[in-house]
Amino acid sequence: MPSLIREAVVEVASQASGENSAGNISPLGYIGCAEGLLWWISLTQQTQQETCHASVHRWPAIVVKFNDHGRDRRYPNGGSNRLALTPEDTAGRQQLIEWCADIGCHVRSDAVGNLFFVAPAHVTIWHLPLSAATWIPSRKGGRFDGVLGVLAGLEVFRTLHDHQIVTERPLELIVWTNEEGSRFAPAMVASGTYAGVFTVEETLARLDEQGISFGQALEETGMKGSLPIGEPRLASFLELHIEQGPVLEEEGLDIGVVTGVQGMRWFDLTIEGSAAHAGTTPMAYRHDALAAAARLIDRLYAIAASDTSDTSGDSKVTFGCLEIDTPSRNVIPAQVTMTVDLRHVHDDQLDALEARFYSELDALVEAFGVVVTPQRLWNSPVVAFNEQCIASIEQATRARGIAYRRMLSGAGHDAVYVSRVAPTAMIFIPCRDGISHNEAEYSTPEQCALGTQVLCDALLHNANDLEVTQ
């Protein structure tokens, strides 16, 4: 990039006199980056039309420094293991608190550990424009999923601070707890609590694999607070994120304008058969729980794979966890526990996919003589984002001649639940080979900066229209 966002902000600061060329009070322009923030700065009409370029040179160093919290040295490619509300996650949060404190930010937290950072400002208005920041709490995770948003936001915060830009509205940075759901299922439970989808009591009672509750883990972090759930209220919410899939890279596109998120349903499933000797029990007399699980996986996978409605297929099924109770090489498995993840871009087709899942379970009972116990943990319907927010992102992308496409997100994001209480949209950038939730996850500094640029421009475009409707 030929110039840096810091240079652009210096220019903004020098021109932000409070009046435009016509002598009227200047509109509010806002800059936002990634899964983190909306920053409000005073702009003139002229400044809004001028070019701002996002920074490239700071990305590698800051990503490495932050990911030292939770970096697992067993992973040769720099992966992270920073599960929610663990000491590693807490260290990352504390690092962010310290960085924000250095520039005068004040942090509050709510009853489920969501962190809200407010930057110094001379006017307090209850309708806050902001977007969310998370770092992904998963095992052997990547360095950009979520982290990209936090660090992009922090850098813009620092830029405004360095040039003594006083905001006309408060600046907020949010860290949602347990976005990924790797430790406490389901995903996005804390942003869901904020949006009223889950109660505080339900969220605090969630258990991890060791039987530790969300509430207990939160208490140990010392980051449970008294900010009322649902506060602060949001005027708008934008997220910049890596795509986490291969479509943008395969199609040679730089930006995804995200119009919504596909529907998702999570299940825990237990299949119970009978343990017996591997050498003495004829195949016809077996009640093999693992064989039944294999049949289910094969059937559902074939159904999804046969969906050719687009290049990626609209039906998606995943079996991320599978465990055999007391496994032994010469014993027929008596019990298998597993997870089932069903997704589709249309709710009616997701209903049909779930119905097929249950019919396949009935077939297992008939074919293998097993007992099946499914439990649906999570039902996230298809989400459509706010049309005004989508249009502002699309216009910003077109104005710069950037190759893009509209697309649905295949992954869940905190934007899913926040969209229920605030106008919301998202921007995607490509990631190498479409890989995410993997230590090989990577987006270039240029891609990160370009996504930040589109977000910045989209927000500036909306500067004269603060009354975005839900």
Protein backbone atom coordinates (compact mmCIF):
# COMPACT_ATOMS: atom_id res chain seq x y z
CA MET A 1 0.00 0.00 0.00
CA PRO A 2 1.44 3.45 -0.93
CA SER A 3 0.50 5.17 2.31
CA LEU A 4 -0.52 4.28 5.83
CA ILE A 5 -3.66 4.71 7.85
CA ARG A 6 -1.61 6.74 10.32
CA GLU A 7 -0.86 9.30 7.61
CA ALA A 8 -4.53 9.49 6.70
CA VAL A 9 -5.53 10.07 10.31
CA VAL A 10 -3.02 12.90 10.65
CA GLU A 11 -4.75 14.48 7.66
CA VAL A 12 -8.15 13.95 9.24
CA ALA A 13 -6.96 15.48 12.51
CA SER A 14 -5.64 18.58 10.76
CA GLN A 15 -8.96 19.16 8.95
CA ALA A 16 -11.42 18.17 11.68
CA SER A 17 -12.35 21.75 12.63
CA GLY A 18 -15.96 21.00 13.52
CA GLU A 19 -17.34 22.86 10.48
CA ASN A 20 -17.44 22.02 6.81
CA SER A 21 -16.82 24.41 3.92
CA ALA A 22 -20.42 25.56 4.05
CA GLY A 23 -20.09 26.56 7.67
CA ASN A 24 -22.37 23.80 8.94
CA ILE A 25 -21.57 21.39 11.73
CA SER A 26 -19.57 18.59 10.15
CA PRO A 27 -21.05 15.11 9.89
CA LEU A 28 -19.64 12.28 11.93
CA GLY A 29 -17.46 9.86 10.02
CA TYR A 30 -16.47 6.54 11.45
CA ILE A 31 -13.58 4.21 10.89
CA GLY A 32 -13.85 0.59 11.84
CA CYS A 33 -11.56 -2.38 11.65
CA ALA A 34 -12.36 -6.02 11.74
CA GLU A 35 -14.06 -7.91 14.50
CA GLY A 36 -13.26 -5.15 16.86
CA LEU A 37 -14.47 -1.59 16.79
CA LEU A 38 -16.14 1.39 15.27
CA TRP A 39 -14.12 4.49 15.92
CA TRP A 40 -15.79 7.90 15.62
CA ILE A 41 -13.83 10.93 14.50
CA SER A 42 -14.85 14.42 13.36
CA LEU A 43 -14.56 14.74 9.56
CA THR A 44 -15.34 17.41 7.00
CA GLN A 45 -17.19 16.63 3.80
CA GLN A 46 -13.95 17.09 1.84
CA THR A 47 -12.06 14.66 4.04
CA GLN A 48 -14.74 12.02 3.57
CA GLN A 49 -14.07 11.93 -0.16
CA GLU A 50 -10.30 11.66 0.15
CA THR A 51 -8.36 8.42 0.07
CA CYS A 52 -7.35 6.61 3.24
CA HIS A 53 -5.06 3.61 2.98
CA ALA A 54 -4.85 0.90 5.59
CA SER A 55 -1.56 -0.08 7.17
CA VAL A 56 0.34 -3.19 6.11
CA HIS A 57 3.65 -3.01 7.93
CA ARG A 58 2.45 -3.60 11.52
CA TRP A 59 0.50 -6.82 10.97
CA PRO A 60 3.22 -9.49 11.22
CA ALA A 61 4.87 -8.25 14.42
CA ILE A 62 1.68 -7.59 16.37
CA VAL A 63 0.14 -10.93 15.36
CA VAL A 64 3.23 -12.78 16.57
CA LYS A 65 3.37 -10.85 19.83
CA PHE A 66 -0.27 -11.38 20.71
CA ASN A 67 -0.26 -15.05 19.79
CA ASP A 68 2.53 -15.71 22.27
CA HIS A 69 -0.43 -15.99 24.67
CA GLY A 70 -1.66 -19.51 24.05
CA ARG A 71 1.04 -20.47 21.57
CA ASP A 72 1.67 -24.20 21.85
CA ARG A 73 5.34 -24.97 21.16
CA ARG A 74 4.34 -28.49 20.09
CA TYR A 75 2.85 -26.98 16.94
CA PRO A 76 5.65 -26.23 14.44
CA ASN A 77 3.67 -23.66 12.45
CA GLY A 78 2.79 -21.30 15.27
CA GLY A 79 -0.70 -22.54 16.15
CA SER A 80 -2.58 -21.38 19.22
CA ASN A 81 -4.33 -23.22 22.04
CA ARG A 82 -6.28 -20.57 23.89
CA LEU A 83 -9.56 -22.10 25.04
CA ALA A 84 -12.14 -19.80 26.60
CA LEU A 85 -11.57 -18.76 30.23
CA THR A 86 -8.33 -20.72 30.58
CA PRO A 87 -5.14 -19.10 31.89
CA GLU A 88 -3.99 -18.67 28.27
CA ASP A 89 -7.19 -16.89 27.28
CA THR A 90 -7.02 -14.76 30.42
CA ALA A 91 -3.43 -13.78 29.63
CA GLY A 92 -4.51 -12.65 26.17
CA ARG A 93 -7.35 -10.61 27.65
CA GLN A 94 -5.00 -9.08 30.19
CA GLN A 95 -2.58 -8.13 27.43
CA LEU A 96 -5.37 -6.34 25.60
CA ILE A 97 -6.44 -4.58 28.81
CA GLU A 98 -2.90 -3.32 29.32
CA TRP A 99 -2.55 -2.15 25.72
CA CYS A 100 -5.86 -0.30 25.91
CA ALA A 101 -5.00 1.20 29.31
CA ASP A 102 -1.86 2.66 27.78
CA ILE A 103 -4.05 4.89 25.63
CA GLY A 104 -6.53 5.78 28.37
CA CYS A 105 -9.29 3.26 27.71
CA HIS A 106 -11.58 2.10 30.49
CA VAL A 107 -12.82 -1.50 30.59
CA ARG A 108 -16.09 -2.86 31.95
CA SER A 109 -17.35 -6.43 31.94
CA ASP A 110 -20.73 -8.08 32.28
CA ALA A 111 -21.97 -11.17 34.10
CA VAL A 112 -20.74 -13.58 31.40
CA GLY A 113 -17.30 -12.02 31.00
CA ASN A 114 -17.84 -9.95 27.86
CA LEU A 115 -15.32 -7.09 27.93
CA PHE A 116 -16.27 -3.59 26.80
CA PHE A 117 -13.47 -1.08 26.32
CA VAL A 118 -14.43 2.58 26.05
CA ALA A 119 -11.98 5.14 24.75
CA PRO A 120 -11.85 8.70 26.16
CA ALA A 121 -14.46 10.99 24.62
CA HIS A 122 -16.01 14.29 25.52
CA VAL A 123 -19.63 13.40 24.76
CA THR A 124 -21.47 10.32 26.02
CA ILE A 125 -24.38 9.10 23.91
CA TRP A 126 -26.24 5.92 24.81
CA HIS A 127 -26.63 4.76 21.19
CA LEU A 128 -23.15 3.41 20.59
CA PRO A 129 -21.86 2.48 17.14
CA LEU A 130 -19.42 -0.40 17.40
CA SER A 131 -18.45 -3.85 16.24
CA ALA A 132 -17.15 -6.87 18.08
CA ALA A 133 -13.74 -8.34 18.74
CA THR A 134 -12.96 -11.92 19.63
CA TRP A 135 -9.99 -14.19 19.57
CA ILE A 136 -10.91 -17.72 18.73
CA PRO A 137 -10.73 -20.14 21.68
CA SER A 138 -9.95 -23.45 20.01
CA ARG A 139 -7.43 -26.25 20.17
CA LYS A 140 -4.53 -26.01 17.73
CA GLY A 141 -6.17 -22.97 16.20
CA GLY A 142 -4.93 -20.40 13.72
CA ARG A 143 -3.52 -16.94 14.24
CA PHE A 144 -6.01 -14.87 12.23
CA ASP A 145 -9.51 -16.15 12.98
CA GLY A 146 -10.77 -13.49 15.39
CA VAL A 147 -7.28 -12.29 16.28
CA LEU A 148 -7.23 -10.30 13.03
CA GLY A 149 -10.15 -8.21 14.24
CA VAL A 150 -8.81 -7.51 17.71
CA LEU A 151 -5.40 -6.38 16.56
CA ALA A 152 -6.70 -4.30 13.65
CA GLY A 153 -9.00 -2.53 16.06
CA LEU A 154 -6.30 -1.94 18.61
CA GLU A 155 -4.00 -0.41 16.01
CA VAL A 156 -6.66 2.08 14.90
CA PHE A 157 -7.34 2.93 18.55
CA ARG A 158 -3.65 3.66 18.99
CA THR A 159 -3.56 5.75 15.82
CA LEU A 160 -6.38 8.00 16.98
CA HIS A 161 -4.76 8.32 20.39
CA ASP A 162 -1.33 9.17 18.99
CA HIS A 163 -2.78 12.06 17.03
CA GLN A 164 -4.98 13.29 19.92
CA ILE A 165 -8.24 12.89 18.02
CA VAL A 166 -11.11 13.48 20.46
CA THR A 167 -14.21 11.59 19.45
CA GLU A 168 -17.71 12.98 19.40
CA ARG A 169 -19.09 9.64 20.42
CA PRO A 170 -17.60 7.02 22.71
CA LEU A 171 -15.38 4.42 21.13
CA GLU A 172 -16.05 0.82 22.12
CA LEU A 173 -14.14 -2.40 21.73
CA ILE A 174 -15.91 -5.61 22.70
CA VAL A 175 -14.43 -9.00 23.47
CA TRP A 176 -17.15 -11.65 23.47
CA THR A 177 -16.48 -14.70 25.63
CA ASN A 178 -16.33 -18.25 24.21
CA GLU A 179 -17.19 -17.37 20.62
CA GLU A 180 -16.07 -20.68 19.18
CA GLY A 181 -17.79 -22.95 21.67
CA SER A 182 -14.84 -25.36 21.72
CA ARG A 183 -14.83 -25.44 25.51
CA PHE A 184 -18.41 -24.51 26.39
CA ALA A 185 -21.00 -25.50 23.79
CA PRO A 186 -22.77 -23.98 21.97
CA ALA A 187 -20.85 -21.35 20.06
CA MET A 188 -21.36 -17.60 20.54
CA VAL A 189 -23.07 -18.21 23.86
CA ALA A 190 -21.90 -14.94 25.45
CA SER A 191 -22.96 -12.70 22.57
CA GLY A 192 -26.19 -14.71 22.57
CA THR A 193 -26.63 -13.86 26.23
CA TYR A 194 -26.04 -10.20 25.44
CA ALA A 195 -28.73 -10.39 22.73
CA GLY A 196 -31.22 -12.16 25.02
CA VAL A 197 -31.07 -15.57 23.32
CA PHE A 198 -29.71 -17.29 26.45
CA THR A 199 -30.20 -16.36 30.09
CA VAL A 200 -27.22 -15.60 32.31
CA GLU A 201 -28.07 -18.65 34.41
CA GLU A 202 -28.09 -20.94 31.36
CA THR A 203 -24.74 -19.63 30.20
CA LEU A 204 -23.02 -19.87 33.57
CA ALA A 205 -24.23 -23.47 33.95
CA ARG A 206 -22.59 -24.72 30.72
CA LEU A 207 -20.05 -27.48 31.40
CA ASP A 208 -16.79 -28.34 29.66
CA GLU A 209 -15.45 -31.86 29.16
CA GLN A 210 -13.96 -31.91 32.67
CA GLY A 211 -17.25 -30.90 34.29
CA ILE A 212 -16.09 -27.34 35.03
CA SER A 213 -18.88 -24.83 34.63
CA PHE A 214 -18.64 -21.63 32.63
CA GLY A 215 -19.42 -19.74 35.83
CA GLN A 216 -16.64 -21.42 37.80
CA ALA A 217 -14.10 -20.80 35.05
CA LEU A 218 -15.20 -17.18 34.77
CA GLU A 219 -14.82 -16.60 38.50
CA GLU A 220 -11.27 -17.93 38.33
CA THR A 221 -10.38 -15.35 35.67
CA GLY A 222 -11.52 -12.45 37.85
CA MET A 223 -13.24 -10.91 34.81
CA LYS A 224 -16.88 -11.25 35.81
CA GLY A 225 -18.38 -7.79 36.03
CA SER A 226 -21.50 -5.83 36.89
CA LEU A 227 -22.34 -4.16 33.56
CA PRO A 228 -26.01 -4.95 32.85
CA ILE A 229 -26.57 -7.62 30.22
CA GLY A 230 -27.53 -5.99 26.93
CA GLU A 231 -25.52 -2.85 27.59
CA PRO A 232 -24.19 -0.86 25.88
CA ARG A 233 -26.85 -0.65 23.20
CA LEU A 234 -25.53 -0.68 19.65
CA ALA A 235 -26.43 1.61 16.76
CA SER A 236 -24.58 -0.62 14.29
CA PHE A 237 -22.29 -3.59 14.18
CA LEU A 238 -19.78 -4.53 11.47
CA GLU A 239 -17.32 -7.41 11.38
CA LEU A 240 -14.27 -7.94 9.22
CA HIS A 241 -13.13 -11.56 9.20
CA ILE A 242 -11.16 -14.10 7.24
CA GLU A 243 -13.48 -16.14 5.03
CA GLN A 244 -12.47 -19.48 6.58
CA GLY A 245 -13.18 -21.16 3.27
CA PRO A 246 -11.74 -21.42 -0.27
CA VAL A 247 -14.29 -19.55 -2.39
CA LEU A 248 -12.66 -16.09 -2.59
CA GLU A 249 -9.22 -17.50 -3.30
CA GLU A 250 -10.51 -20.01 -5.87
CA GLU A 251 -12.43 -17.30 -7.72
CA GLY A 252 -9.59 -14.77 -7.54
CA LEU A 253 -11.61 -12.28 -5.51
CA ASP A 254 -10.37 -9.90 -2.82
CA ILE A 255 -13.51 -9.22 -0.78
CA GLY A 256 -16.64 -11.06 0.25
CA VAL A 257 -19.68 -8.89 0.99
CA VAL A 258 -21.46 -11.06 3.54
CA THR A 259 -25.24 -10.95 3.30
CA GLY A 260 -25.99 -13.39 6.09
CA VAL A 261 -25.09 -16.65 7.79
CA GLN A 262 -26.32 -20.14 7.00
CA GLY A 263 -28.40 -22.12 9.49
CA MET A 264 -26.68 -24.52 11.88
CA ARG A 265 -27.74 -27.29 14.23
CA TRP A 266 -25.51 -29.14 16.68
CA PHE A 267 -26.26 -32.55 18.17
CA ASP A 268 -24.65 -34.84 20.69
CA LEU A 269 -25.34 -38.48 19.89
CA THR A 270 -24.83 -41.65 21.91
CA ILE A 271 -25.06 -45.06 20.23
CA GLU A 272 -25.23 -48.07 22.59
CA GLY A 273 -24.67 -51.63 21.46
CA SER A 274 -23.16 -54.64 23.24
CA ALA A 275 -19.54 -55.48 23.95
CA ALA A 276 -18.50 -58.93 22.77
CA HIS A 277 -15.43 -60.90 21.74
CA ALA A 278 -14.05 -59.91 18.35
CA GLY A 279 -13.06 -63.47 17.47
CA THR A 280 -16.00 -65.51 18.67
CA THR A 281 -19.04 -63.39 17.82
CA PRO A 282 -20.39 -63.91 14.28
CA MET A 283 -21.12 -60.73 12.33
CA ALA A 284 -24.84 -61.47 12.20
CA TYR A 285 -25.06 -61.52 16.01
CA ARG A 286 -23.20 -58.29 16.72
CA HIS A 287 -24.60 -55.02 18.06
CA ASP A 288 -21.62 -52.90 17.07
CA ALA A 289 -21.96 -49.26 18.12
CA LEU A 290 -18.98 -48.15 16.03
CA ALA A 291 -20.24 -49.89 12.90
CA ALA A 292 -23.56 -48.13 13.38
CA ALA A 293 -21.76 -44.78 13.72
CA ALA A 294 -19.80 -45.50 10.56
CA ARG A 295 -23.02 -46.25 8.66
CA LEU A 296 -24.53 -42.96 9.84
CA ILE A 297 -21.46 -40.98 8.82
CA ASP A 298 -21.36 -42.60 5.39
CA ARG A 299 -25.07 -42.06 4.69
CA LEU A 300 -25.25 -38.43 5.80
CA TYR A 301 -21.97 -37.54 4.12
CA ALA A 302 -23.23 -39.00 0.84
CA ILE A 303 -26.43 -36.95 1.11
CA ALA A 304 -24.50 -33.71 1.60
CA ALA A 305 -21.92 -34.56 -1.07
CA SER A 306 -24.68 -35.11 -3.63
CA ASP A 307 -25.93 -31.53 -3.12
CA THR A 308 -24.48 -29.66 -6.10
CA SER A 309 -26.65 -26.54 -5.81
CA ASP A 310 -23.53 -24.38 -6.01
CA THR A 311 -19.75 -24.87 -6.18
CA SER A 312 -19.50 -25.69 -2.49
CA GLY A 313 -22.86 -27.41 -1.94
CA ASP A 314 -25.53 -25.91 0.28
CA SER A 315 -25.82 -29.00 2.53
CA LYS A 316 -22.98 -29.59 4.97
CA VAL A 317 -22.54 -32.31 7.60
CA THR A 318 -19.61 -32.74 9.97
CA PHE A 319 -18.75 -35.30 12.64
CA GLY A 320 -16.07 -33.46 14.61
CA CYS A 321 -15.81 -35.65 17.69
CA LEU A 322 -16.12 -39.41 18.13
CA GLU A 323 -15.22 -41.41 21.20
CA ILE A 324 -15.39 -45.15 21.89
CA ASP A 325 -16.09 -46.06 25.50
CA THR A 326 -13.31 -48.35 26.87
CA PRO A 327 -11.82 -49.23 23.45
CA SER A 328 -9.91 -52.46 22.96
CA ARG A 329 -8.56 -54.00 19.78
CA ASN A 330 -10.34 -57.34 20.31
CA VAL A 331 -13.66 -56.09 21.73
CA ILE A 332 -16.70 -55.05 19.72
CA PRO A 333 -17.43 -51.43 20.71
CA ALA A 334 -20.38 -51.20 23.06
CA GLN A 335 -20.83 -47.43 23.13
CA VAL A 336 -19.91 -44.50 20.90
CA THR A 337 -20.48 -40.83 21.62
CA MET A 338 -20.18 -38.34 18.78
CA THR A 339 -21.09 -34.87 17.60
CA VAL A 340 -23.14 -34.05 14.52
CA ASP A 341 -23.10 -30.64 12.82
CA LEU A 342 -25.76 -29.93 10.16
CA ARG A 343 -25.80 -26.73 8.06
CA HIS A 344 -27.77 -25.30 5.16
CA VAL A 345 -28.45 -21.91 3.60
CA HIS A 346 -32.23 -22.42 3.68
CA ASP A 347 -34.16 -23.19 6.85
CA ASP A 348 -36.65 -25.50 5.13
CA GLN A 349 -33.82 -27.56 3.64
CA LEU A 350 -32.10 -27.66 7.02
CA ASP A 351 -35.34 -29.02 8.45
CA ALA A 352 -35.28 -31.70 5.76
CA LEU A 353 -31.65 -32.53 6.51
CA GLU A 354 -32.45 -32.89 10.20
CA ALA A 355 -35.42 -35.12 9.38
CA ARG A 356 -33.12 -37.32 7.27
CA PHE A 357 -30.70 -37.49 10.21
CA TYR A 358 -33.46 -38.86 12.43
CA SER A 359 -34.63 -41.34 9.79
CA GLU A 360 -31.07 -42.65 9.47
CA LEU A 361 -30.98 -43.12 13.25
CA ASP A 362 -34.14 -45.23 13.02
CA ALA A 363 -32.43 -47.30 10.33
CA LEU A 364 -29.45 -47.91 12.63
CA VAL A 365 -31.73 -49.30 15.33
CA GLU A 366 -33.23 -51.69 12.80
CA ALA A 367 -29.97 -52.75 11.17
CA PHE A 368 -27.65 -53.02 14.17
CA GLY A 369 -29.94 -53.54 17.14
CA VAL A 370 -28.48 -50.51 18.92
CA VAL A 371 -30.03 -47.80 21.08
CA VAL A 372 -29.58 -44.22 19.89
CA THR A 373 -29.91 -41.11 22.06
CA PRO A 374 -29.67 -37.82 20.14
CA GLN A 375 -29.67 -34.44 21.88
CA ARG A 376 -29.96 -31.19 19.96
CA LEU A 377 -27.70 -28.66 21.64
CA TRP A 378 -28.08 -25.70 19.34
CA ASN A 379 -30.37 -24.39 16.64
CA SER A 380 -29.18 -21.26 14.84
CA PRO A 381 -31.56 -20.26 12.03
CA VAL A 382 -30.43 -18.69 8.76
CA VAL A 383 -29.58 -15.02 9.33
CA ALA A 384 -30.10 -12.17 6.86
CA PHE A 385 -27.98 -9.09 7.57
CA ASN A 386 -29.15 -5.48 7.39
CA GLU A 387 -29.57 -4.29 3.78
CA GLN A 388 -28.28 -0.78 4.49
CA CYS A 389 -25.10 -2.12 6.07
CA ILE A 390 -24.63 -4.56 3.18
CA ALA A 391 -25.13 -1.79 0.62
CA SER A 392 -22.57 0.49 2.26
CA ILE A 393 -19.95 -2.28 2.19
CA GLU A 394 -20.74 -3.14 -1.42
CA GLN A 395 -20.55 0.49 -2.52
CA ALA A 396 -17.20 0.94 -0.77
CA THR A 397 -15.88 -2.14 -2.56
CA ARG A 398 -17.09 -1.01 -5.99
CA ALA A 399 -15.71 2.49 -5.52
CA ARG A 400 -12.19 1.10 -5.27
CA GLY A 401 -12.59 -1.29 -8.17
CA ILE A 402 -12.05 -4.29 -5.92
CA ALA A 403 -13.06 -7.72 -7.18
CA TYR A 404 -15.77 -9.08 -4.89
CA ARG A 405 -18.86 -11.23 -4.61
CA ARG A 406 -21.84 -11.41 -2.31
CA MET A 407 -21.82 -14.51 -0.19
CA LEU A 408 -23.27 -16.18 2.88
CA SER A 409 -21.03 -17.07 5.78
CA GLY A 410 -20.73 -20.78 6.34
CA ALA A 411 -19.34 -20.24 9.83
CA GLY A 412 -21.07 -18.80 12.84
CA HIS A 413 -20.00 -15.42 14.18
CA ASP A 414 -21.05 -13.20 17.05
CA ALA A 415 -22.71 -11.07 14.35
CA VAL A 416 -25.40 -13.78 14.18
CA TYR A 417 -26.77 -12.91 17.60
CA VAL A 418 -25.90 -9.22 17.59
CA SER A 419 -27.90 -8.87 14.35
CA ARG A 420 -31.02 -9.53 16.45
CA VAL A 421 -30.52 -6.31 18.37
CA ALA A 422 -28.53 -4.04 16.01
CA PRO A 423 -28.11 -3.46 12.25
CA THR A 424 -25.25 -5.75 11.21
CA ALA A 425 -23.13 -6.86 8.25
CA MET A 426 -19.75 -8.49 7.61
CA ILE A 427 -16.75 -8.33 5.27
CA PHE A 428 -14.58 -11.31 4.36
CA ILE A 429 -11.01 -11.45 3.10
CA PRO A 430 -9.41 -14.56 1.56
CA CYS A 431 -7.32 -17.00 3.56
CA ARG A 432 -4.66 -19.21 2.02
CA ASP A 433 -6.05 -22.51 0.65
CA GLY A 434 -9.30 -21.73 2.47
CA ILE A 435 -7.81 -23.18 5.66
CA SER A 436 -9.05 -22.12 9.10
CA HIS A 437 -9.21 -23.69 12.56
CA ASN A 438 -5.74 -24.94 11.71
CA GLU A 439 -2.25 -23.70 12.51
CA ALA A 440 -1.66 -23.24 8.77
CA GLU A 441 -4.32 -20.51 8.66
CA TYR A 442 -2.94 -17.40 6.93
CA SER A 443 -3.92 -14.13 5.27
CA THR A 444 -1.32 -11.74 3.91
CA PRO A 445 -0.73 -8.29 5.41
CA GLU A 446 -2.02 -6.83 2.16
CA GLN A 447 -5.26 -8.81 2.40
CA CYS A 448 -5.74 -7.75 6.01
CA ALA A 449 -5.17 -4.11 5.08
CA LEU A 450 -7.52 -4.26 2.09
CA GLY A 451 -10.33 -5.65 4.23
CA THR A 452 -9.71 -2.91 6.77
CA GLN A 453 -9.81 -0.35 3.94
CA VAL A 454 -13.21 -1.53 2.71
CA LEU A 455 -14.57 -1.45 6.23
CA CYS A 456 -13.21 2.06 6.75
CA ASP A 457 -14.71 3.30 3.47
CA ALA A 458 -18.09 1.68 4.14
CA LEU A 459 -18.32 3.37 7.50
CA LEU A 460 -17.31 6.74 6.05
CA HIS A 461 -19.97 6.34 3.37
CA ASN A 462 -22.58 6.00 6.10
CA ALA A 463 -21.34 9.03 8.03
CA ASN A 464 -24.34 11.19 7.04
CA ASP A 465 -26.91 8.47 7.75
CA LEU A 466 -26.65 7.47 11.38
CA GLU A 467 -30.26 6.28 11.58
CA VAL A 468 -29.69 2.83 10.15
CA THR A 469 -32.91 0.85 10.43
CA GLN A 470 -33.04 -2.72 11.67
